Amino acid sequence: MLESYTSRLFFGENMVISVVGDFNESDLKKQLESDFGGLPKTGVAPKEIPVQKVKGFKKKEKKSNYQSHIVSGAYAPSYNDKRRSAMTLMVNYLGGPALNSRLALSLREKHGYA
């Protein structure tokens, strides 16, 4: 299954490689060619699967905990949608993956709410 997955989705047009830091460009190119040069240049992009709407979720409470945790979700652009980059920027600005966004820092550090 893994080989099937990678052969369908791992191809040059479908990849972005980003490098930051002090590195030798020619050495990096040689390494990338060694690691990824055997992959096909083009392939078939995955088909979008329609999203099915679902009902609400469970709510759990634990009285002995002095913290509040909220998980929220909504429908968002799919992986292939051109609006996905804008959505990713907005999510990182508002909450981010590690609670280091401007909003979280303001709530925690400036106002002491979290």
C-alpha atoms as a PDB file:
ATOM      1  CA  MET A   1       0.000   0.000   0.000  1.00  0.00           C
ATOM      2  CA  LEU A   2       2.852   2.387   0.828  1.00  0.00           C
ATOM      3  CA  GLU A   3       4.596   1.706  -2.485  1.00  0.00           C
ATOM      4  CA  SER A   4       1.323   2.287  -4.332  1.00  0.00           C
ATOM      5  CA  TYR A   5       0.767   5.553  -2.467  1.00  0.00           C
ATOM      6  CA  THR A   6       4.246   6.915  -3.145  1.00  0.00           C
ATOM      7  CA  SER A   7       4.246   5.879  -6.790  1.00  0.00           C
ATOM      8  CA  ARG A   8       0.940   7.707  -7.322  1.00  0.00           C
ATOM      9  CA  LEU A   9       1.730  10.907  -5.424  1.00  0.00           C
ATOM     10  CA  PHE A  10       5.494  11.387  -5.189  1.00  0.00           C
ATOM     11  CA  PHE A  11       6.619  13.046  -8.423  1.00  0.00           C
ATOM     12  CA  GLY A  12       8.557  16.178  -9.320  1.00  0.00           C
ATOM     13  CA  GLU A  13       5.599  18.428 -10.147  1.00  0.00           C
ATOM     14  CA  ASN A  14       3.965  17.533  -6.823  1.00  0.00           C
ATOM     15  CA  MET A  15       6.965  18.316  -4.573  1.00  0.00           C
ATOM     16  CA  VAL A  16       8.532  21.389  -3.005  1.00  0.00           C
ATOM     17  CA  ILE A  17      11.886  21.206  -1.261  1.00  0.00           C
ATOM     18  CA  SER A  18      12.863  24.135   0.932  1.00  0.00           C
ATOM     19  CA  VAL A  19      16.292  24.608   2.482  1.00  0.00           C
ATOM     20  CA  VAL A  20      17.327  27.271   4.976  1.00  0.00           C
ATOM     21  CA  GLY A  21      20.735  27.811   6.457  1.00  0.00           C
ATOM     22  CA  ASP A  22      24.405  27.774   5.616  1.00  0.00           C
ATOM     23  CA  PHE A  23      24.932  25.135   2.921  1.00  0.00           C
ATOM     24  CA  ASN A  24      26.932  24.565  -0.231  1.00  0.00           C
ATOM     25  CA  GLU A  25      24.527  24.866  -3.173  1.00  0.00           C
ATOM     26  CA  SER A  26      26.350  22.432  -5.481  1.00  0.00           C
ATOM     27  CA  ASP A  27      26.623  19.797  -2.728  1.00  0.00           C
ATOM     28  CA  LEU A  28      22.939  20.246  -1.943  1.00  0.00           C
ATOM     29  CA  LYS A  29      21.946  19.835  -5.607  1.00  0.00           C
ATOM     30  CA  LYS A  30      24.011  16.622  -5.834  1.00  0.00           C
ATOM     31  CA  GLN A  31      22.392  15.243  -2.678  1.00  0.00           C
ATOM     32  CA  LEU A  32      18.874  16.107  -3.834  1.00  0.00           C
ATOM     33  CA  GLU A  33      19.515  14.579  -7.253  1.00  0.00           C
ATOM     34  CA  SER A  34      20.804  11.440  -5.525  1.00  0.00           C
ATOM     35  CA  ASP A  35      17.776  11.244  -3.210  1.00  0.00           C
ATOM     36  CA  PHE A  36      15.011  12.347  -5.572  1.00  0.00           C
ATOM     37  CA  GLY A  37      16.427  12.096  -9.107  1.00  0.00           C
ATOM     38  CA  GLY A  38      14.844   8.692  -9.715  1.00  0.00           C
ATOM     39  CA  LEU A  39      11.306   9.941  -9.145  1.00  0.00           C
ATOM     40  CA  PRO A  40       9.145  10.546 -12.209  1.00  0.00           C
ATOM     41  CA  LYS A  41       8.885  14.198 -13.278  1.00  0.00           C
ATOM     42  CA  THR A  42       5.103  14.139 -13.721  1.00  0.00           C
ATOM     43  CA  GLY A  43       2.212  12.046 -12.476  1.00  0.00           C
ATOM     44  CA  VAL A  44      -1.477  12.059 -11.741  1.00  0.00           C
ATOM     45  CA  ALA A  45      -2.605  14.422  -8.984  1.00  0.00           C
ATOM     46  CA  PRO A  46      -5.000  12.933  -6.431  1.00  0.00           C
ATOM     47  CA  LYS A  47      -8.707  13.377  -7.031  1.00  0.00           C
ATOM     48  CA  GLU A  48     -10.634  15.486  -4.581  1.00  0.00           C
ATOM     49  CA  ILE A  49     -13.037  13.551  -2.389  1.00  0.00           C
ATOM     50  CA  PRO A  50     -16.253  15.392  -1.536  1.00  0.00           C
ATOM     51  CA  VAL A  51     -16.542  16.276   2.134  1.00  0.00           C
ATOM     52  CA  GLN A  52     -19.489  14.757   3.952  1.00  0.00           C
ATOM     53  CA  LYS A  53     -21.142  16.915   6.577  1.00  0.00           C
ATOM     54  CA  VAL A  54     -21.170  15.453  10.060  1.00  0.00           C
ATOM     55  CA  LYS A  55     -23.127  16.215  13.223  1.00  0.00           C
ATOM     56  CA  GLY A  56     -21.710  17.720  16.397  1.00  0.00           C
ATOM     57  CA  PHE A  57     -19.330  16.099  18.821  1.00  0.00           C
ATOM     58  CA  LYS A  58     -19.076  14.923  22.401  1.00  0.00           C
ATOM     59  CA  LYS A  59     -18.392  17.267  25.267  1.00  0.00           C
ATOM     60  CA  LYS A  60     -16.302  15.988  28.176  1.00  0.00           C
ATOM     61  CA  GLU A  61     -15.712  17.732  31.453  1.00  0.00           C
ATOM     62  CA  LYS A  62     -13.106  16.964  34.051  1.00  0.00           C
ATOM     63  CA  LYS A  63     -13.687  18.960  37.240  1.00  0.00           C
ATOM     64  CA  SER A  64     -10.221  18.487  38.789  1.00  0.00           C
ATOM     65  CA  ASN A  65      -8.444  20.311  35.957  1.00  0.00           C
ATOM     66  CA  TYR A  66      -7.952  24.074  36.264  1.00  0.00           C
ATOM     67  CA  GLN A  67      -7.317  24.519  32.553  1.00  0.00           C
ATOM     68  CA  SER A  68      -9.719  24.894  29.668  1.00  0.00           C
ATOM     69  CA  HIS A  69      -9.045  23.242  26.346  1.00  0.00           C
ATOM     70  CA  ILE A  70     -11.069  23.987  23.254  1.00  0.00           C
ATOM     71  CA  VAL A  71     -10.889  22.188  19.943  1.00  0.00           C
ATOM     72  CA  SER A  72     -12.836  23.697  17.118  1.00  0.00           C
ATOM     73  CA  GLY A  73     -13.073  22.796  13.486  1.00  0.00           C
ATOM     74  CA  ALA A  74     -14.708  23.928  10.309  1.00  0.00           C
ATOM     75  CA  TYR A  75     -14.755  23.147   6.630  1.00  0.00           C
ATOM     76  CA  ALA A  76     -11.651  24.460   4.923  1.00  0.00           C
ATOM     77  CA  PRO A  77     -10.096  24.488   1.465  1.00  0.00           C
ATOM     78  CA  SER A  78      -8.848  21.081   0.324  1.00  0.00           C
ATOM     79  CA  TYR A  79      -5.200  20.240  -0.285  1.00  0.00           C
ATOM     80  CA  ASN A  80      -5.532  21.080  -3.996  1.00  0.00           C
ATOM     81  CA  ASP A  81      -7.519  24.305  -3.551  1.00  0.00           C
ATOM     82  CA  LYS A  82      -5.642  27.487  -4.492  1.00  0.00           C
ATOM     83  CA  ARG A  83      -7.097  29.184  -1.370  1.00  0.00           C
ATOM     84  CA  ARG A  84      -5.247  26.705   0.879  1.00  0.00           C
ATOM     85  CA  SER A  85      -2.134  28.894   1.303  1.00  0.00           C
ATOM     86  CA  ALA A  86      -4.209  31.841   2.492  1.00  0.00           C
ATOM     87  CA  MET A  87      -6.052  29.546   4.931  1.00  0.00           C
ATOM     88  CA  THR A  88      -2.754  28.200   6.279  1.00  0.00           C
ATOM     89  CA  LEU A  89      -1.460  31.727   6.872  1.00  0.00           C
ATOM     90  CA  MET A  90      -4.659  32.701   8.654  1.00  0.00           C
ATOM     91  CA  VAL A  91      -4.594  29.594  10.869  1.00  0.00           C
ATOM     92  CA  ASN A  92      -0.963  30.228  11.826  1.00  0.00           C
ATOM     93  CA  TYR A  93      -1.686  33.880  12.569  1.00  0.00           C
ATOM     94  CA  LEU A  94      -4.695  33.082  14.744  1.00  0.00           C
ATOM     95  CA  GLY A  95      -3.553  29.993  16.574  1.00  0.00           C
ATOM     96  CA  GLY A  96      -0.585  28.294  15.032  1.00  0.00           C
ATOM     97  CA  PRO A  97       0.485  24.739  15.734  1.00  0.00           C
ATOM     98  CA  ALA A  98       2.393  25.606  18.917  1.00  0.00           C
ATOM     99  CA  LEU A  99       0.375  28.428  20.491  1.00  0.00           C
ATOM    100  CA  ASN A 100       3.009  30.959  19.456  1.00  0.00           C
ATOM    101  CA  SER A 101       0.711  33.121  17.328  1.00  0.00           C
ATOM    102  CA  ARG A 102       0.171  36.819  17.931  1.00  0.00           C
ATOM    103  CA  LEU A 103      -3.274  36.069  19.330  1.00  0.00           C
ATOM    104  CA  ALA A 104      -2.032  33.398  21.759  1.00  0.00           C
ATOM    105  CA  LEU A 105       0.935  35.515  22.857  1.00  0.00           C
ATOM    106  CA  SER A 106      -1.316  38.507  23.452  1.00  0.00           C
ATOM    107  CA  LEU A 107      -3.820  36.480  25.473  1.00  0.00           C
ATOM    108  CA  ARG A 108      -1.129  34.721  27.488  1.00  0.00           C
ATOM    109  CA  GLU A 109       1.640  37.318  27.946  1.00  0.00           C
ATOM    110  CA  LYS A 110      -0.074  40.694  27.704  1.00  0.00           C
ATOM    111  CA  HIS A 111      -3.398  39.937  29.357  1.00  0.00           C
ATOM    112  CA  GLY A 112      -2.603  36.810  31.410  1.00  0.00           C
ATOM    113  CA  TYR A 113      -5.764  35.037  30.262  1.00  0.00           C
ATOM    114  CA  ALA A 114      -4.118  31.763  29.283  1.00  0.00           C
END
